[in-house]
């Protein structure tokens, strides 16, 4: 999912459960929106290469 902005769960019937720590590497203007480029804090073995 590289280069896609994630806006969080928005589908009907989907609930937010818990926070998860991430590492914010940078904040930038991308396609007219300010976005934070983040990595998961639990290493490269989780998710899409961390």
C-alpha atoms as a PDB file:
ATOM      1  CA  UNK A   1       0.000   0.000   0.000  1.00  0.00           C
ATOM      2  CA  UNK A   2       2.803   2.407  -0.677  1.00  0.00           C
ATOM      3  CA  UNK A   3       1.884   5.995  -1.648  1.00  0.00           C
ATOM      4  CA  UNK A   4      -1.691   5.633  -0.425  1.00  0.00           C
ATOM      5  CA  UNK A   5      -3.127   7.906   2.265  1.00  0.00           C
ATOM      6  CA  UNK A   6      -4.787   5.922   5.074  1.00  0.00           C
ATOM      7  CA  UNK A   7      -7.697   7.760   6.665  1.00  0.00           C
ATOM      8  CA  UNK A   8      -8.599   5.139   9.262  1.00  0.00           C
ATOM      9  CA  UNK A   9     -11.573   2.782   9.499  1.00  0.00           C
ATOM     10  CA  UNK A  10     -14.565   4.503   7.941  1.00  0.00           C
ATOM     11  CA  UNK A  11     -16.763   1.592   6.939  1.00  0.00           C
ATOM     12  CA  UNK A  12     -20.097   1.305   8.689  1.00  0.00           C
ATOM     13  CA  UNK A  13     -19.956  -1.140  11.583  1.00  0.00           C
ATOM     14  CA  UNK A  14     -16.164  -0.868  11.956  1.00  0.00           C
ATOM     15  CA  UNK A  15     -15.025   0.303  15.363  1.00  0.00           C
ATOM     16  CA  UNK A  16     -11.712   1.686  16.552  1.00  0.00           C
ATOM     17  CA  UNK A  17     -10.228  -0.782  19.040  1.00  0.00           C
ATOM     18  CA  UNK A  18      -6.787   0.319  20.246  1.00  0.00           C
ATOM     19  CA  UNK A  19      -3.926   2.662  19.494  1.00  0.00           C
ATOM     20  CA  UNK A  20      -0.652   1.271  18.175  1.00  0.00           C
ATOM     21  CA  UNK A  21       2.634   3.140  18.368  1.00  0.00           C
ATOM     22  CA  UNK A  22       4.201   4.250  15.095  1.00  0.00           C
ATOM     23  CA  UNK A  23       7.373   6.104  14.210  1.00  0.00           C
ATOM     24  CA  UNK A  24       6.735   9.335  12.294  1.00  0.00           C
ATOM     25  CA  UNK A  25       9.560   9.751   9.805  1.00  0.00           C
ATOM     26  CA  UNK A  26       8.385  12.948   8.123  1.00  0.00           C
ATOM     27  CA  UNK A  27       5.436  15.245   7.485  1.00  0.00           C
ATOM     28  CA  UNK A  28       4.935  16.501   3.944  1.00  0.00           C
ATOM     29  CA  UNK A  29       2.470  18.024   1.515  1.00  0.00           C
ATOM     30  CA  UNK A  30       1.216  15.192  -0.728  1.00  0.00           C
ATOM     31  CA  UNK A  31      -1.434  15.785  -3.394  1.00  0.00           C
ATOM     32  CA  UNK A  32      -2.633  18.898  -1.602  1.00  0.00           C
ATOM     33  CA  UNK A  33      -2.865  17.333   1.876  1.00  0.00           C
ATOM     34  CA  UNK A  34      -0.432  17.326   4.769  1.00  0.00           C
ATOM     35  CA  UNK A  35       0.399  13.725   5.594  1.00  0.00           C
ATOM     36  CA  UNK A  36       2.679  11.958   8.049  1.00  0.00           C
ATOM     37  CA  UNK A  37       4.929   9.212   6.674  1.00  0.00           C
ATOM     38  CA  UNK A  38       4.947   6.590   9.446  1.00  0.00           C
ATOM     39  CA  UNK A  39       6.368   3.160  10.144  1.00  0.00           C
ATOM     40  CA  UNK A  40       5.070   0.569  12.563  1.00  0.00           C
ATOM     41  CA  UNK A  41       7.098   0.459  15.754  1.00  0.00           C
ATOM     42  CA  UNK A  42       7.250  -3.336  15.972  1.00  0.00           C
ATOM     43  CA  UNK A  43       9.843  -3.950  13.255  1.00  0.00           C
ATOM     44  CA  UNK A  44      10.119  -5.091   9.660  1.00  0.00           C
ATOM     45  CA  UNK A  45       8.608  -8.526  10.310  1.00  0.00           C
ATOM     46  CA  UNK A  46       5.132  -7.018  10.815  1.00  0.00           C
ATOM     47  CA  UNK A  47       2.857  -5.516   8.194  1.00  0.00           C
ATOM     48  CA  UNK A  48       4.301  -4.343   4.869  1.00  0.00           C
ATOM     49  CA  UNK A  49       8.040  -4.292   5.737  1.00  0.00           C
ATOM     50  CA  UNK A  50       7.403  -2.291   8.905  1.00  0.00           C
END
